[in-house]
Amino acid sequence: QLQAYGGGAVQTGGSLRLSCAASGGTFRAYTMAWFRQAPGKEREFVAAIRASGGTTHYTDSVKGRFTILRDGAKRTIYLQMNNLKPEDTSVYFCAAGTVIQSTLRDAKYYNYWGQGTQVTVSS
């Protein structure tokens, strides 16, 4: 089970930190990721952190602004979002799965999902 929280409303250039706490399962075995979905759009990949090695992956539009972090002791991942833009406005979802590198950007390969948290960036 995944529980996401930390969304909110900020102005352009502001920052937010999303958290996603995992319960049950073998947290350290899962690749963890953040996706987002705006109204009328498909769910899109934002960032992922691999189970082994902790390598990170980002969609191009957030590189240099967002950082995904993983705390194994707390069974929690974070998405630190800086320099937010209006186009980042979306519902953000955390996800977990035993995915391989070539598929980690595809939502259909993730087994577990959090409930989503709204991020709104105003200009």
Protein backbone atom coordinates (compact mmCIF):
# COMPACT_ATOMS: atom_id res chain seq x y z
CA GLN A 1 0.00 0.00 0.00
CA LEU A 2 1.25 3.45 -0.93
CA GLN A 3 0.22 6.72 0.68
CA ALA A 4 1.15 9.93 -1.11
CA TYR A 5 0.96 13.37 0.42
CA GLY A 6 2.55 16.80 0.31
CA GLY A 7 0.77 18.43 -2.61
CA GLY A 8 -0.49 21.97 -2.51
CA ALA A 9 -0.72 25.29 -4.31
CA VAL A 10 2.31 27.45 -5.01
CA GLN A 11 3.29 30.26 -7.32
CA THR A 12 5.66 29.92 -10.25
CA GLY A 13 9.18 29.40 -9.02
CA GLY A 14 8.06 27.89 -5.74
CA SER A 15 8.91 24.50 -4.26
CA LEU A 16 7.05 21.51 -2.91
CA ARG A 17 8.12 18.17 -1.52
CA LEU A 18 5.96 15.14 -2.13
CA SER A 19 6.23 12.05 0.01
CA CYS A 20 5.08 8.50 -0.55
CA ALA A 21 5.10 6.03 2.31
CA ALA A 22 4.98 2.30 1.60
CA SER A 23 3.53 -0.35 3.87
CA GLY A 24 3.71 -4.07 3.34
CA GLY A 25 5.74 -5.79 0.68
CA THR A 26 9.47 -5.69 0.21
CA PHE A 27 10.13 -2.01 -0.26
CA ARG A 28 13.77 -2.41 -1.15
CA ALA A 29 12.93 -4.75 -4.02
CA TYR A 30 10.74 -2.28 -5.86
CA THR A 31 11.50 0.43 -8.34
CA MET A 32 9.62 3.47 -7.10
CA ALA A 33 8.32 6.20 -9.36
CA TRP A 34 6.25 9.33 -9.64
CA PHE A 35 3.76 9.89 -12.43
CA ARG A 36 1.40 12.77 -12.99
CA GLN A 37 -1.88 13.25 -14.76
CA ALA A 38 -3.48 16.52 -15.77
CA PRO A 39 -7.20 16.78 -16.64
CA GLY A 40 -7.90 15.32 -20.07
CA LYS A 41 -4.37 13.99 -20.45
CA GLU A 42 -2.75 10.61 -20.10
CA ARG A 43 -0.72 9.72 -17.07
CA GLU A 44 2.90 10.63 -17.71
CA PHE A 45 6.18 9.54 -16.20
CA VAL A 46 7.99 12.05 -14.02
CA ALA A 47 10.81 10.27 -12.18
CA ALA A 48 11.90 6.87 -10.94
CA ILE A 49 14.51 5.44 -8.61
CA ARG A 50 15.68 1.87 -9.11
CA ALA A 51 15.60 -0.74 -6.40
CA SER A 52 19.16 -1.83 -7.02
CA GLY A 53 21.81 0.83 -7.02
CA GLY A 54 19.37 3.68 -6.57
CA THR A 55 19.89 5.07 -10.04
CA THR A 56 17.43 7.79 -10.96
CA HIS A 57 15.59 8.64 -14.14
CA TYR A 58 13.67 11.78 -15.06
CA THR A 59 11.51 13.01 -17.84
CA ASP A 60 13.26 15.80 -19.72
CA SER A 61 10.88 18.55 -18.64
CA VAL A 62 11.78 18.17 -14.95
CA LYS A 63 15.52 17.48 -15.15
CA GLY A 64 17.45 19.93 -13.02
CA ARG A 65 14.32 20.96 -11.11
CA PHE A 66 12.99 17.76 -9.54
CA THR A 67 14.86 15.23 -7.42
CA ILE A 68 13.60 11.78 -6.45
CA LEU A 69 14.94 10.38 -3.21
CA ARG A 70 14.52 7.12 -1.37
CA ASP A 71 14.74 6.43 2.37
CA GLY A 72 14.79 2.69 2.96
CA ALA A 73 14.60 2.96 6.73
CA LYS A 74 11.40 4.99 6.51
CA ARG A 75 10.08 3.06 3.49
CA THR A 76 9.43 6.39 1.88
CA ILE A 77 10.27 8.10 -1.36
CA TYR A 78 10.24 11.82 -1.95
CA LEU A 79 9.94 14.12 -4.91
CA GLN A 80 11.58 17.45 -4.25
CA MET A 81 10.18 19.90 -6.79
CA ASN A 82 11.91 23.24 -7.25
CA ASN A 83 11.34 26.09 -9.67
CA LEU A 84 7.82 24.91 -10.31
CA LYS A 85 6.04 26.01 -13.46
CA PRO A 86 2.32 26.20 -14.30
CA GLU A 87 2.75 23.24 -16.64
CA ASP A 88 3.69 21.12 -13.61
CA THR A 89 0.11 21.46 -12.38
CA SER A 90 -1.28 17.95 -12.11
CA VAL A 91 -2.26 15.14 -9.82
CA TYR A 92 0.89 13.30 -8.81
CA PHE A 93 0.89 9.57 -8.16
CA CYS A 94 3.55 7.38 -6.64
CA ALA A 95 3.98 3.86 -7.91
CA ALA A 96 5.96 0.73 -7.11
CA GLY A 97 6.85 -2.28 -9.16
CA THR A 98 9.46 -4.81 -10.11
CA VAL A 99 10.14 -3.15 -13.42
CA ILE A 100 13.22 -3.28 -15.60
CA GLN A 101 15.03 -0.21 -16.86
CA SER A 102 13.55 -0.35 -20.34
CA THR A 103 9.98 -0.22 -19.00
CA LEU A 104 10.23 2.02 -15.96
CA ARG A 105 8.68 4.99 -17.80
CA ASP A 106 5.53 3.01 -18.65
CA ALA A 107 2.78 3.15 -16.06
CA LYS A 108 1.31 -0.21 -17.03
CA TYR A 109 4.31 -2.06 -15.61
CA TYR A 110 3.80 -0.79 -12.06
CA ASN A 111 1.84 -2.98 -9.67
CA TYR A 112 1.01 -0.61 -6.84
CA TRP A 113 -0.27 2.96 -6.84
CA GLY A 114 -0.85 5.67 -4.29
CA GLN A 115 -4.03 7.71 -4.25
CA GLY A 116 -2.63 10.86 -5.86
CA THR A 117 -1.94 14.33 -4.52
CA GLN A 118 -2.78 17.60 -6.26
CA VAL A 119 -0.08 20.07 -7.21
CA THR A 120 -1.22 23.46 -8.50
CA VAL A 121 1.22 26.08 -9.75
CA SER A 122 -0.14 29.53 -10.48
CA SER A 123 1.51 32.12 -12.68
